């Protein structure tokens, strides 16, 4: 099957309850569209130009929000909006896993990803 460069694919993901030295993390199930080359390059360029350390979180939160389609995070019993503010309330390791997901392409067959795509 050919890779449709105008799609990008919608994939499923799940954070891990243990990551690095952190244990007992909340598990977040999510759907996302991986950031492709142009979005990743823009993100990396933005990181190189930061003046303040707190701007790194904002840049990372923005690319996560731009690529998450949905998640099972709740706020007061209702679905939490996918915003930098919502991300700021999650453990750092969970945000890091979300960032890694949107910046990478997992091992999987293209046919499987195409099943979840907007055109497939």
PDB file of N, CA and C in Angstrom:
ATOM      1  N   UNK A   1       0.850  -1.179   0.000  1.00  0.00           N
ATOM      2  CA  UNK A   1       0.000   0.000   0.000  1.00  0.00           C
ATOM      3  C   UNK A   1       0.893   1.238   0.000  1.00  0.00           C
ATOM      4  N   UNK A   2       0.533   2.219  -0.771  1.00  0.00           N
ATOM      5  CA  UNK A   2       1.292   3.470  -0.860  1.00  0.00           C
ATOM      6  C   UNK A   2       1.013   4.352   0.349  1.00  0.00           C
ATOM      7  N   UNK A   3       1.957   5.195   0.675  1.00  0.00           N
ATOM      8  CA  UNK A   3       1.834   6.154   1.776  1.00  0.00           C
ATOM      9  C   UNK A   3       1.284   7.457   1.213  1.00  0.00           C
ATOM     10  N   UNK A   4       0.106   7.871   1.645  1.00  0.00           N
ATOM     11  CA  UNK A   4      -0.539   9.085   1.146  1.00  0.00           C
ATOM     12  C   UNK A   4      -0.003  10.285   1.922  1.00  0.00           C
ATOM     13  N   UNK A   5       0.863  11.084   1.301  1.00  0.00           N
ATOM     14  CA  UNK A   5       1.496  12.200   2.002  1.00  0.00           C
ATOM     15  C   UNK A   5       0.528  13.318   2.351  1.00  0.00           C
ATOM     16  N   UNK A   6      -0.653  13.336   1.774  1.00  0.00           N
ATOM     17  CA  UNK A   6      -1.625  14.372   2.104  1.00  0.00           C
ATOM     18  C   UNK A   6      -2.537  13.968   3.252  1.00  0.00           C
ATOM     19  N   UNK A   7      -2.329  12.790   3.803  1.00  0.00           N
ATOM     20  CA  UNK A   7      -3.165  12.350   4.894  1.00  0.00           C
ATOM     21  C   UNK A   7      -2.460  12.507   6.229  1.00  0.00           C
ATOM     22  N   UNK A   8      -1.399  11.786   6.452  1.00  0.00           N
ATOM     23  CA  UNK A   8      -0.691  11.874   7.722  1.00  0.00           C
ATOM     24  C   UNK A   8      -1.118  10.831   8.709  1.00  0.00           C
ATOM     25  N   UNK A   9      -2.330  10.292   8.563  1.00  0.00           N
ATOM     26  CA  UNK A   9      -2.833   9.198   9.374  1.00  0.00           C
ATOM     27  C   UNK A   9      -3.186   9.590  10.811  1.00  0.00           C
ATOM     28  N   UNK A  10      -4.246   8.974  11.300  1.00  0.00           N
ATOM     29  CA  UNK A  10      -4.666   9.112  12.685  1.00  0.00           C
ATOM     30  C   UNK A  10      -4.345   7.801  13.378  1.00  0.00           C
ATOM     31  N   UNK A  11      -3.577   7.892  14.460  1.00  0.00           N
ATOM     32  CA  UNK A  11      -3.105   6.709  15.168  1.00  0.00           C
ATOM     33  C   UNK A  11      -3.604   6.702  16.600  1.00  0.00           C
ATOM     34  N   UNK A  12      -3.614   5.536  17.214  1.00  0.00           N
ATOM     35  CA  UNK A  12      -3.995   5.384  18.616  1.00  0.00           C
ATOM     36  C   UNK A  12      -2.740   5.282  19.467  1.00  0.00           C
ATOM     37  N   UNK A  13      -2.805   5.831  20.670  1.00  0.00           N
ATOM     38  CA  UNK A  13      -1.683   5.747  21.588  1.00  0.00           C
ATOM     39  C   UNK A  13      -2.154   5.638  23.021  1.00  0.00           C
ATOM     40  N   UNK A  14      -1.217   5.279  23.887  1.00  0.00           N
ATOM     41  CA  UNK A  14      -1.506   5.150  25.309  1.00  0.00           C
ATOM     42  C   UNK A  14      -0.214   5.402  26.071  1.00  0.00           C
ATOM     43  N   UNK A  15      -0.281   6.240  27.083  1.00  0.00           N
ATOM     44  CA  UNK A  15       0.905   6.481  27.897  1.00  0.00           C
ATOM     45  C   UNK A  15       1.110   5.310  28.848  1.00  0.00           C
ATOM     46  N   UNK A  16       2.319   5.214  29.364  1.00  0.00           N
ATOM     47  CA  UNK A  16       2.681   4.121  30.263  1.00  0.00           C
ATOM     48  C   UNK A  16       2.544   4.544  31.721  1.00  0.00           C
ATOM     49  N   UNK A  17       2.162   3.612  32.601  1.00  0.00           N
ATOM     50  CA  UNK A  17       2.052   3.945  34.019  1.00  0.00           C
ATOM     51  C   UNK A  17       3.405   4.082  34.709  1.00  0.00           C
ATOM     52  N   UNK A  18       4.460   3.552  34.075  1.00  0.00           N
ATOM     53  CA  UNK A  18       5.821   3.667  34.597  1.00  0.00           C
ATOM     54  C   UNK A  18       6.695   4.225  33.491  1.00  0.00           C
ATOM     55  N   UNK A  19       7.414   5.294  33.792  1.00  0.00           N
ATOM     56  CA  UNK A  19       8.248   5.937  32.781  1.00  0.00           C
ATOM     57  C   UNK A  19       9.456   6.531  33.486  1.00  0.00           C
ATOM     58  N   UNK A  20      10.639   6.046  33.135  1.00  0.00           N
ATOM     59  CA  UNK A  20      11.836   6.513  33.830  1.00  0.00           C
ATOM     60  C   UNK A  20      11.753   6.140  35.297  1.00  0.00           C
ATOM     61  N   UNK A  21      11.936   7.107  36.168  1.00  0.00           N
ATOM     62  CA  UNK A  21      11.855   6.872  37.609  1.00  0.00           C
ATOM     63  C   UNK A  21      10.453   7.048  38.162  1.00  0.00           C
ATOM     64  N   UNK A  22       9.512   7.450  37.326  1.00  0.00           N
ATOM     65  CA  UNK A  22       8.142   7.699  37.783  1.00  0.00           C
ATOM     66  C   UNK A  22       7.318   6.419  37.756  1.00  0.00           C
ATOM     67  N   UNK A  23       6.546   6.202  38.817  1.00  0.00           N
ATOM     68  CA  UNK A  23       5.676   5.037  38.938  1.00  0.00           C
ATOM     69  C   UNK A  23       4.272   5.515  39.262  1.00  0.00           C
ATOM     70  N   UNK A  24       3.282   4.707  38.894  1.00  0.00           N
ATOM     71  CA  UNK A  24       1.898   5.015  39.230  1.00  0.00           C
ATOM     72  C   UNK A  24       1.331   6.206  38.471  1.00  0.00           C
ATOM     73  N   UNK A  25       1.861   6.453  37.279  1.00  0.00           N
ATOM     74  CA  UNK A  25       1.362   7.571  36.475  1.00  0.00           C
ATOM     75  C   UNK A  25      -0.030   7.261  35.936  1.00  0.00           C
ATOM     76  N   UNK A  26      -0.850   8.293  35.733  1.00  0.00           N
ATOM     77  CA  UNK A  26      -2.137   8.037  35.087  1.00  0.00           C
ATOM     78  C   UNK A  26      -1.890   7.607  33.639  1.00  0.00           C
ATOM     79  N   UNK A  27      -2.678   6.658  33.175  1.00  0.00           N
ATOM     80  CA  UNK A  27      -2.579   6.191  31.790  1.00  0.00           C
ATOM     81  C   UNK A  27      -3.567   7.008  30.956  1.00  0.00           C
ATOM     82  N   UNK A  28      -3.056   7.622  29.905  1.00  0.00           N
ATOM     83  CA  UNK A  28      -3.886   8.426  29.013  1.00  0.00           C
ATOM     84  C   UNK A  28      -3.985   7.700  27.680  1.00  0.00           C
ATOM     85  N   UNK A  29      -5.207   7.426  27.265  1.00  0.00           N
ATOM     86  CA  UNK A  29      -5.436   6.874  25.934  1.00  0.00           C
ATOM     87  C   UNK A  29      -5.762   8.043  25.026  1.00  0.00           C
ATOM     88  N   UNK A  30      -5.187   8.018  23.813  1.00  0.00           N
ATOM     89  CA  UNK A  30      -5.367   9.166  22.938  1.00  0.00           C
ATOM     90  C   UNK A  30      -5.307   8.752  21.477  1.00  0.00           C
ATOM     91  N   UNK A  31      -5.826   9.625  20.630  1.00  0.00           N
ATOM     92  CA  UNK A  31      -5.700   9.501  19.174  1.00  0.00           C
ATOM     93  C   UNK A  31      -4.936  10.724  18.713  1.00  0.00           C
ATOM     94  N   UNK A  32      -4.057  10.529  17.730  1.00  0.00           N
ATOM     95  CA  UNK A  32      -3.224  11.640  17.283  1.00  0.00           C
ATOM     96  C   UNK A  32      -2.848  11.481  15.820  1.00  0.00           C
ATOM     97  N   UNK A  33      -2.445  12.588  15.257  1.00  0.00           N
ATOM     98  CA  UNK A  33      -1.922  12.614  13.896  1.00  0.00           C
ATOM     99  C   UNK A  33      -0.456  13.008  14.024  1.00  0.00           C
ATOM    100  N   UNK A  34       0.461  12.089  13.725  1.00  0.00           N
ATOM    101  CA  UNK A  34       1.884  12.381  13.907  1.00  0.00           C
ATOM    102  C   UNK A  34       2.318  13.642  13.161  1.00  0.00           C
ATOM    103  N   UNK A  35       3.178  14.413  13.813  1.00  0.00           N
ATOM    104  CA  UNK A  35       3.735  15.612  13.178  1.00  0.00           C
ATOM    105  C   UNK A  35       4.691  15.166  12.084  1.00  0.00           C
ATOM    106  N   UNK A  36       4.497  15.696  10.914  1.00  0.00           N
ATOM    107  CA  UNK A  36       5.368  15.347   9.799  1.00  0.00           C
ATOM    108  C   UNK A  36       6.555  16.313   9.760  1.00  0.00           C
ATOM    109  N   UNK A  37       7.388  16.196   8.756  1.00  0.00           N
ATOM    110  CA  UNK A  37       8.675  16.884   8.703  1.00  0.00           C
ATOM    111  C   UNK A  37       8.579  18.396   8.907  1.00  0.00           C
ATOM    112  N   UNK A  38       7.672  19.069   8.225  1.00  0.00           N
ATOM    113  CA  UNK A  38       7.591  20.529   8.327  1.00  0.00           C
ATOM    114  C   UNK A  38       7.214  20.972   9.739  1.00  0.00           C
ATOM    115  N   UNK A  39       6.246  20.288  10.348  1.00  0.00           N
ATOM    116  CA  UNK A  39       5.830  20.647  11.708  1.00  0.00           C
ATOM    117  C   UNK A  39       6.946  20.374  12.712  1.00  0.00           C
ATOM    118  N   UNK A  40       7.651  19.269  12.539  1.00  0.00           N
ATOM    119  CA  UNK A  40       8.754  18.955  13.446  1.00  0.00           C
ATOM    120  C   UNK A  40       9.880  19.970  13.299  1.00  0.00           C
ATOM    121  N   UNK A  41      10.192  20.338  12.075  1.00  0.00           N
ATOM    122  CA  UNK A  41      11.251  21.323  11.852  1.00  0.00           C
ATOM    123  C   UNK A  41      10.899  22.670  12.470  1.00  0.00           C
ATOM    124  N   UNK A  42       9.649  23.084  12.321  1.00  0.00           N
ATOM    125  CA  UNK A  42       9.208  24.355  12.909  1.00  0.00           C
ATOM    126  C   UNK A  42       9.303  24.299  14.430  1.00  0.00           C
ATOM    127  N   UNK A  43       8.915  23.180  15.015  1.00  0.00           N
ATOM    128  CA  UNK A  43       9.001  23.001  16.466  1.00  0.00           C
ATOM    129  C   UNK A  43      10.453  23.086  16.935  1.00  0.00           C
ATOM    130  N   UNK A  44      11.347  22.373  16.266  1.00  0.00           N
ATOM    131  CA  UNK A  44      12.761  22.388  16.657  1.00  0.00           C
ATOM    132  C   UNK A  44      13.374  23.773  16.486  1.00  0.00           C
ATOM    133  N   UNK A  45      13.004  24.478  15.429  1.00  0.00           N
ATOM    134  CA  UNK A  45      13.501  25.845  15.223  1.00  0.00           C
ATOM    135  C   UNK A  45      13.021  26.757  16.345  1.00  0.00           C
ATOM    136  N   UNK A  46      11.775  26.574  16.758  1.00  0.00           N
ATOM    137  CA  UNK A  46      11.224  27.380  17.846  1.00  0.00           C
ATOM    138  C   UNK A  46      11.991  27.115  19.140  1.00  0.00           C
ATOM    139  N   UNK A  47      12.322  25.863  19.402  1.00  0.00           N
ATOM    140  CA  UNK A  47      13.073  25.524  20.620  1.00  0.00           C
ATOM    141  C   UNK A  47      14.448  26.196  20.636  1.00  0.00           C
ATOM    142  N   UNK A  48      15.083  26.281  19.478  1.00  0.00           N
ATOM    143  CA  UNK A  48      16.418  26.899  19.414  1.00  0.00           C
ATOM    144  C   UNK A  48      16.371  28.398  19.695  1.00  0.00           C
ATOM    145  N   UNK A  49      15.236  29.029  19.505  1.00  0.00           N
ATOM    146  CA  UNK A  49      15.126  30.485  19.650  1.00  0.00           C
ATOM    147  C   UNK A  49      14.545  30.930  20.995  1.00  0.00           C
ATOM    148  N   UNK A  50      14.322  30.014  21.900  1.00  0.00           N
ATOM    149  CA  UNK A  50      13.672  30.358  23.168  1.00  0.00           C
ATOM    150  C   UNK A  50      14.578  31.207  24.049  1.00  0.00           C
ATOM    151  N   UNK A  51      13.959  32.197  24.696  1.00  0.00           N
ATOM    152  CA  UNK A  51      14.681  33.057  25.631  1.00  0.00           C
ATOM    153  C   UNK A  51      14.482  32.606  27.078  1.00  0.00           C
ATOM    154  N   UNK A  52      13.318  32.028  27.360  1.00  0.00           N
ATOM    155  CA  UNK A  52      12.990  31.652  28.738  1.00  0.00           C
ATOM    156  C   UNK A  52      12.702  30.158  28.816  1.00  0.00           C
ATOM    157  N   UNK A  53      13.144  29.483  29.867  1.00  0.00           N
ATOM    158  CA  UNK A  53      12.907  28.039  30.001  1.00  0.00           C
ATOM    159  C   UNK A  53      11.421  27.673  29.952  1.00  0.00           C
ATOM    160  N   UNK A  54      10.561  28.510  30.518  1.00  0.00           N
ATOM    161  CA  UNK A  54       9.127  28.182  30.530  1.00  0.00           C
ATOM    162  C   UNK A  54       8.515  28.194  29.130  1.00  0.00           C
ATOM    163  N   UNK A  55       9.196  28.820  28.183  1.00  0.00           N
ATOM    164  CA  UNK A  55       8.707  28.826  26.803  1.00  0.00           C
ATOM    165  C   UNK A  55       8.829  27.450  26.156  1.00  0.00           C
ATOM    166  N   UNK A  56       9.719  26.609  26.695  1.00  0.00           N
ATOM    167  CA  UNK A  56       9.857  25.257  26.151  1.00  0.00           C
ATOM    168  C   UNK A  56       8.563  24.477  26.350  1.00  0.00           C
ATOM    169  N   UNK A  57       7.967  24.603  27.541  1.00  0.00           N
ATOM    170  CA  UNK A  57       6.694  23.915  27.777  1.00  0.00           C
ATOM    171  C   UNK A  57       5.634  24.425  26.811  1.00  0.00           C
ATOM    172  N   UNK A  58       5.560  25.722  26.623  1.00  0.00           N
ATOM    173  CA  UNK A  58       4.544  26.292  25.731  1.00  0.00           C
ATOM    174  C   UNK A  58       4.707  25.770  24.302  1.00  0.00           C
ATOM    175  N   UNK A  59       5.934  25.719  23.800  1.00  0.00           N
ATOM    176  CA  UNK A  59       6.187  25.211  22.449  1.00  0.00           C
ATOM    177  C   UNK A  59       5.824  23.723  22.354  1.00  0.00           C
ATOM    178  N   UNK A  60       6.190  22.965  23.375  1.00  0.00           N
ATOM    179  CA  UNK A  60       5.884  21.537  23.380  1.00  0.00           C
ATOM    180  C   UNK A  60       4.382  21.305  23.494  1.00  0.00           C
ATOM    181  N   UNK A  61       3.728  22.065  24.365  1.00  0.00           N
ATOM    182  CA  UNK A  61       2.278  21.934  24.526  1.00  0.00           C
ATOM    183  C   UNK A  61       1.560  22.276  23.229  1.00  0.00           C
ATOM    184  N   UNK A  62       2.046  23.283  22.531  1.00  0.00           N
ATOM    185  CA  UNK A  62       1.396  23.698  21.285  1.00  0.00           C
ATOM    186  C   UNK A  62       1.454  22.597  20.241  1.00  0.00           C
ATOM    187  N   UNK A  63       2.616  21.953  20.065  1.00  0.00           N
ATOM    188  CA  UNK A  63       2.689  20.894  19.047  1.00  0.00           C
ATOM    189  C   UNK A  63       1.871  19.673  19.472  1.00  0.00           C
ATOM    190  N   UNK A  64       1.829  19.387  20.765  1.00  0.00           N
ATOM    191  CA  UNK A  64       0.981  18.288  21.239  1.00  0.00           C
ATOM    192  C   UNK A  64      -0.480  18.601  20.913  1.00  0.00           C
ATOM    193  N   UNK A  65      -0.934  19.779  21.281  1.00  0.00           N
ATOM    194  CA  UNK A  65      -2.331  20.165  21.050  1.00  0.00           C
ATOM    195  C   UNK A  65      -2.679  20.189  19.564  1.00  0.00           C
ATOM    196  N   UNK A  66      -1.741  20.593  18.755  1.00  0.00           N
ATOM    197  CA  UNK A  66      -1.976  20.644  17.312  1.00  0.00           C
ATOM    198  C   UNK A  66      -2.153  19.255  16.706  1.00  0.00           C
ATOM    199  N   UNK A  67      -1.645  18.218  17.379  1.00  0.00           N
ATOM    200  CA  UNK A  67      -1.657  16.889  16.778  1.00  0.00           C
ATOM    201  C   UNK A  67      -2.511  15.864  17.521  1.00  0.00           C
ATOM    202  N   UNK A  68      -2.953  16.175  18.747  1.00  0.00           N
ATOM    203  CA  UNK A  68      -3.881  15.261  19.421  1.00  0.00           C
ATOM    204  C   UNK A  68      -5.274  15.453  18.821  1.00  0.00           C
ATOM    205  N   UNK A  69      -5.937  14.355  18.558  1.00  0.00           N
ATOM    206  CA  UNK A  69      -7.298  14.388  18.027  1.00  0.00           C
ATOM    207  C   UNK A  69      -8.293  14.234  19.176  1.00  0.00           C
ATOM    208  N   UNK A  70      -7.968  13.344  20.107  1.00  0.00           N
ATOM    209  CA  UNK A  70      -8.833  13.119  21.269  1.00  0.00           C
ATOM    210  C   UNK A  70      -8.014  12.454  22.366  1.00  0.00           C
ATOM    211  N   UNK A  71      -8.556  12.506  23.588  1.00  0.00           N
ATOM    212  CA  UNK A  71      -7.933  11.814  24.711  1.00  0.00           C
ATOM    213  C   UNK A  71      -8.990  11.530  25.754  1.00  0.00           C
ATOM    214  N   UNK A  72      -8.650  10.696  26.727  1.00  0.00           N
ATOM    215  CA  UNK A  72      -9.627  10.332  27.752  1.00  0.00           C
ATOM    216  C   UNK A  72      -9.389  11.072  29.074  1.00  0.00           C
ATOM    217  N   UNK A  73      -8.732  12.209  29.030  1.00  0.00           N
ATOM    218  CA  UNK A  73      -8.484  13.018  30.223  1.00  0.00           C
ATOM    219  C   UNK A  73      -9.769  13.761  30.588  1.00  0.00           C
ATOM    220  N   UNK A  74     -10.084  13.744  31.874  1.00  0.00           N
ATOM    221  CA  UNK A  74     -11.295  14.411  32.356  1.00  0.00           C
ATOM    222  C   UNK A  74     -10.943  15.624  33.212  1.00  0.00           C
ATOM    223  N   UNK A  75     -11.861  16.565  33.235  1.00  0.00           N
ATOM    224  CA  UNK A  75     -11.764  17.740  34.102  1.00  0.00           C
ATOM    225  C   UNK A  75     -13.139  17.930  34.726  1.00  0.00           C
ATOM    226  N   UNK A  76     -13.201  17.709  36.024  1.00  0.00           N
ATOM    227  CA  UNK A  76     -14.468  17.789  36.753  1.00  0.00           C
ATOM    228  C   UNK A  76     -15.518  16.866  36.139  1.00  0.00           C
ATOM    229  N   UNK A  77     -15.080  15.648  35.770  1.00  0.00           N
ATOM    230  CA  UNK A  77     -15.991  14.637  35.267  1.00  0.00           C
ATOM    231  C   UNK A  77     -16.367  14.750  33.802  1.00  0.00           C
ATOM    232  N   UNK A  78     -15.869  15.752  33.126  1.00  0.00           N
ATOM    233  CA  UNK A  78     -16.174  15.950  31.703  1.00  0.00           C
ATOM    234  C   UNK A  78     -14.878  15.883  30.904  1.00  0.00           C
ATOM    235  N   UNK A  79     -14.972  15.609  29.600  1.00  0.00           N
ATOM    236  CA  UNK A  79     -13.749  15.578  28.798  1.00  0.00           C
ATOM    237  C   UNK A  79     -12.983  16.906  28.895  1.00  0.00           C
ATOM    238  N   UNK A  80     -11.712  16.802  29.217  1.00  0.00           N
ATOM    239  CA  UNK A  80     -10.875  18.006  29.321  1.00  0.00           C
ATOM    240  C   UNK A  80     -10.537  18.500  27.921  1.00  0.00           C
ATOM    241  N   UNK A  81     -10.525  19.809  27.726  1.00  0.00           N
ATOM    242  CA  UNK A  81     -10.116  20.316  26.420  1.00  0.00           C
ATOM    243  C   UNK A  81      -8.632  20.029  26.190  1.00  0.00           C
ATOM    244  N   UNK A  82      -8.273  19.841  24.953  1.00  0.00           N
ATOM    245  CA  UNK A  82      -6.867  19.608  24.610  1.00  0.00           C
ATOM    246  C   UNK A  82      -6.225  20.974  24.427  1.00  0.00           C
ATOM    247  N   UNK A  83      -5.694  21.492  25.543  1.00  0.00           N
ATOM    248  CA  UNK A  83      -5.107  22.830  25.562  1.00  0.00           C
ATOM    249  C   UNK A  83      -3.795  22.798  26.350  1.00  0.00           C
ATOM    250  N   UNK A  84      -2.937  23.802  26.150  1.00  0.00           N
ATOM    251  CA  UNK A  84      -1.733  23.892  26.974  1.00  0.00           C
ATOM    252  C   UNK A  84      -2.070  23.942  28.474  1.00  0.00           C
ATOM    253  N   UNK A  85      -3.148  24.609  28.825  1.00  0.00           N
ATOM    254  CA  UNK A  85      -3.538  24.683  30.243  1.00  0.00           C
ATOM    255  C   UNK A  85      -3.852  23.296  30.797  1.00  0.00           C
ATOM    256  N   UNK A  86      -4.581  22.482  30.039  1.00  0.00           N
ATOM    257  CA  UNK A  86      -4.872  21.114  30.488  1.00  0.00           C
ATOM    258  C   UNK A  86      -3.589  20.306  30.601  1.00  0.00           C
ATOM    259  N   UNK A  87      -2.712  20.428  29.625  1.00  0.00           N
ATOM    260  CA  UNK A  87      -1.438  19.704  29.671  1.00  0.00           C
ATOM    261  C   UNK A  87      -0.607  20.104  30.884  1.00  0.00           C
ATOM    262  N   UNK A  88      -0.683  21.363  31.283  1.00  0.00           N
ATOM    263  CA  UNK A  88       0.105  21.837  32.422  1.00  0.00           C
ATOM    264  C   UNK A  88      -0.316  21.191  33.736  1.00  0.00           C
ATOM    265  N   UNK A  89      -1.482  20.575  33.758  1.00  0.00           N
ATOM    266  CA  UNK A  89      -1.990  19.929  34.971  1.00  0.00           C
ATOM    267  C   UNK A  89      -1.648  18.438  35.025  1.00  0.00           C
ATOM    268  N   UNK A  90      -0.989  17.932  33.979  1.00  0.00           N
ATOM    269  CA  UNK A  90      -0.596  16.523  33.933  1.00  0.00           C
ATOM    270  C   UNK A  90       0.829  16.350  34.449  1.00  0.00           C
ATOM    271  N   UNK A  91       1.169  15.150  34.933  1.00  0.00           N
ATOM    272  CA  UNK A  91       2.549  14.897  35.326  1.00  0.00           C
ATOM    273  C   UNK A  91       3.497  15.103  34.134  1.00  0.00           C
ATOM    274  N   UNK A  92       4.677  15.622  34.425  1.00  0.00           N
ATOM    275  CA  UNK A  92       5.673  15.909  33.387  1.00  0.00           C
ATOM    276  C   UNK A  92       5.943  14.693  32.509  1.00  0.00           C
ATOM    277  N   UNK A  93       6.047  13.499  33.119  1.00  0.00           N
ATOM    278  CA  UNK A  93       6.344  12.286  32.362  1.00  0.00           C
ATOM    279  C   UNK A  93       5.228  11.925  31.385  1.00  0.00           C
ATOM    280  N   UNK A  94       3.992  12.228  31.731  1.00  0.00           N
ATOM    281  CA  UNK A  94       2.868  11.962  30.826  1.00  0.00           C
ATOM    282  C   UNK A  94       2.939  12.913  29.636  1.00  0.00           C
ATOM    283  N   UNK A  95       3.210  14.193  29.907  1.00  0.00           N
ATOM    284  CA  UNK A  95       3.347  15.174  28.815  1.00  0.00           C
ATOM    285  C   UNK A  95       4.500  14.763  27.901  1.00  0.00           C
ATOM    286  N   UNK A  96       5.596  14.310  28.483  1.00  0.00           N
ATOM    287  CA  UNK A  96       6.733  13.864  27.693  1.00  0.00           C
ATOM    288  C   UNK A  96       6.385  12.694  26.786  1.00  0.00           C
ATOM    289  N   UNK A  97       5.580  11.775  27.282  1.00  0.00           N
ATOM    290  CA  UNK A  97       5.164  10.638  26.455  1.00  0.00           C
ATOM    291  C   UNK A  97       4.254  11.090  25.312  1.00  0.00           C
ATOM    292  N   UNK A  98       3.374  12.043  25.577  1.00  0.00           N
ATOM    293  CA  UNK A  98       2.512  12.578  24.515  1.00  0.00           C
ATOM    294  C   UNK A  98       3.360  13.269  23.450  1.00  0.00           C
ATOM    295  N   UNK A  99       4.360  14.046  23.899  1.00  0.00           N
ATOM    296  CA  UNK A  99       5.239  14.734  22.961  1.00  0.00           C
ATOM    297  C   UNK A  99       6.006  13.725  22.104  1.00  0.00           C
ATOM    298  N   UNK A 100       6.542  12.693  22.730  1.00  0.00           N
ATOM    299  CA  UNK A 100       7.267  11.664  21.990  1.00  0.00           C
ATOM    300  C   UNK A 100       6.360  11.015  20.949  1.00  0.00           C
ATOM    301  N   UNK A 101       5.123  10.770  21.316  1.00  0.00           N
ATOM    302  CA  UNK A 101       4.184  10.137  20.379  1.00  0.00           C
ATOM    303  C   UNK A 101       3.951  11.010  19.151  1.00  0.00           C
ATOM    304  N   UNK A 102       3.659  12.302  19.359  1.00  0.00           N
ATOM    305  CA  UNK A 102       3.336  13.139  18.196  1.00  0.00           C
ATOM    306  C   UNK A 102       4.564  13.414  17.332  1.00  0.00           C
ATOM    307  N   UNK A 103       5.755  13.284  17.904  1.00  0.00           N
ATOM    308  CA  UNK A 103       6.979  13.539  17.139  1.00  0.00           C
ATOM    309  C   UNK A 103       7.584  12.288  16.504  1.00  0.00           C
ATOM    310  N   UNK A 104       6.919  11.151  16.647  1.00  0.00           N
ATOM    311  CA  UNK A 104       7.502   9.928  16.104  1.00  0.00           C
ATOM    312  C   UNK A 104       6.441   9.104  15.388  1.00  0.00           C
ATOM    313  N   UNK A 105       6.917   8.136  14.640  1.00  0.00           N
ATOM    314  CA  UNK A 105       6.045   7.211  13.926  1.00  0.00           C
ATOM    315  C   UNK A 105       6.264   5.843  14.543  1.00  0.00           C
ATOM    316  N   UNK A 106       5.228   5.255  15.141  1.00  0.00           N
ATOM    317  CA  UNK A 106       5.414   3.962  15.817  1.00  0.00           C
ATOM    318  C   UNK A 106       5.614   2.824  14.821  1.00  0.00           C
ATOM    319  N   UNK A 107       6.179   1.734  15.337  1.00  0.00           N
ATOM    320  CA  UNK A 107       6.315   0.543  14.506  1.00  0.00           C
ATOM    321  C   UNK A 107       4.924  -0.011  14.260  1.00  0.00           C
ATOM    322  N   UNK A 108       4.532  -0.009  13.014  1.00  0.00           N
ATOM    323  CA  UNK A 108       3.254  -0.593  12.633  1.00  0.00           C
ATOM    324  C   UNK A 108       3.194  -0.638  11.120  1.00  0.00           C
ATOM    325  N   UNK A 109       2.324  -1.431  10.635  1.00  0.00           N
ATOM    326  CA  UNK A 109       2.160  -1.534   9.196  1.00  0.00           C
ATOM    327  C   UNK A 109       1.400  -0.318   8.673  1.00  0.00           C
ATOM    328  N   UNK A 110       1.763   0.169   7.521  1.00  0.00           N
ATOM    329  CA  UNK A 110       1.072   1.305   6.930  1.00  0.00           C
ATOM    330  C   UNK A 110      -0.401   0.985   6.693  1.00  0.00           C
ATOM    331  N   UNK A 111      -0.704  -0.262   6.377  1.00  0.00           N
ATOM    332  CA  UNK A 111      -2.100  -0.644   6.140  1.00  0.00           C
ATOM    333  C   UNK A 111      -2.939  -0.427   7.400  1.00  0.00           C
ATOM    334  N   UNK A 112      -2.371  -0.738   8.570  1.00  0.00           N
ATOM    335  CA  UNK A 112      -3.087  -0.535   9.825  1.00  0.00           C
ATOM    336  C   UNK A 112      -3.355   0.943  10.061  1.00  0.00           C
ATOM    337  N   UNK A 113      -2.353   1.778   9.825  1.00  0.00           N
ATOM    338  CA  UNK A 113      -2.522   3.217   9.992  1.00  0.00           C
ATOM    339  C   UNK A 113      -3.544   3.755   9.005  1.00  0.00           C
ATOM    340  N   UNK A 114      -3.538   3.237   7.802  1.00  0.00           N
ATOM    341  CA  UNK A 114      -4.460   3.718   6.777  1.00  0.00           C
ATOM    342  C   UNK A 114      -5.916   3.447   7.162  1.00  0.00           C
ATOM    343  N   UNK A 115      -6.163   2.386   7.910  1.00  0.00           N
ATOM    344  CA  UNK A 115      -7.527   2.091   8.365  1.00  0.00           C
ATOM    345  C   UNK A 115      -8.079   3.217   9.234  1.00  0.00           C
ATOM    346  N   UNK A 116      -7.203   3.904   9.960  1.00  0.00           N
ATOM    347  CA  UNK A 116      -7.609   4.985  10.851  1.00  0.00           C
ATOM    348  C   UNK A 116      -7.549   6.348  10.193  1.00  0.00           C
ATOM    349  N   UNK A 117      -7.132   6.403   8.956  1.00  0.00           N
ATOM    350  CA  UNK A 117      -6.938   7.695   8.300  1.00  0.00           C
ATOM    351  C   UNK A 117      -8.263   8.300   7.883  1.00  0.00           C
ATOM    352  N   UNK A 118      -8.206   9.594   7.582  1.00  0.00           N
ATOM    353  CA  UNK A 118      -9.419  10.287   7.176  1.00  0.00           C
ATOM    354  C   UNK A 118      -9.847   9.904   5.772  1.00  0.00           C
ATOM    355  N   UNK A 119      -8.925   9.338   4.990  1.00  0.00           N
ATOM    356  CA  UNK A 119      -9.276   8.972   3.616  1.00  0.00           C
ATOM    357  C   UNK A 119      -9.363   7.465   3.431  1.00  0.00           C
ATOM    358  N   UNK A 120      -8.935   6.691   4.426  1.00  0.00           N
ATOM    359  CA  UNK A 120      -8.876   5.244   4.258  1.00  0.00           C
ATOM    360  C   UNK A 120      -9.895   4.602   5.034  1.00  0.00           C
TER     361      UNK A 120
END
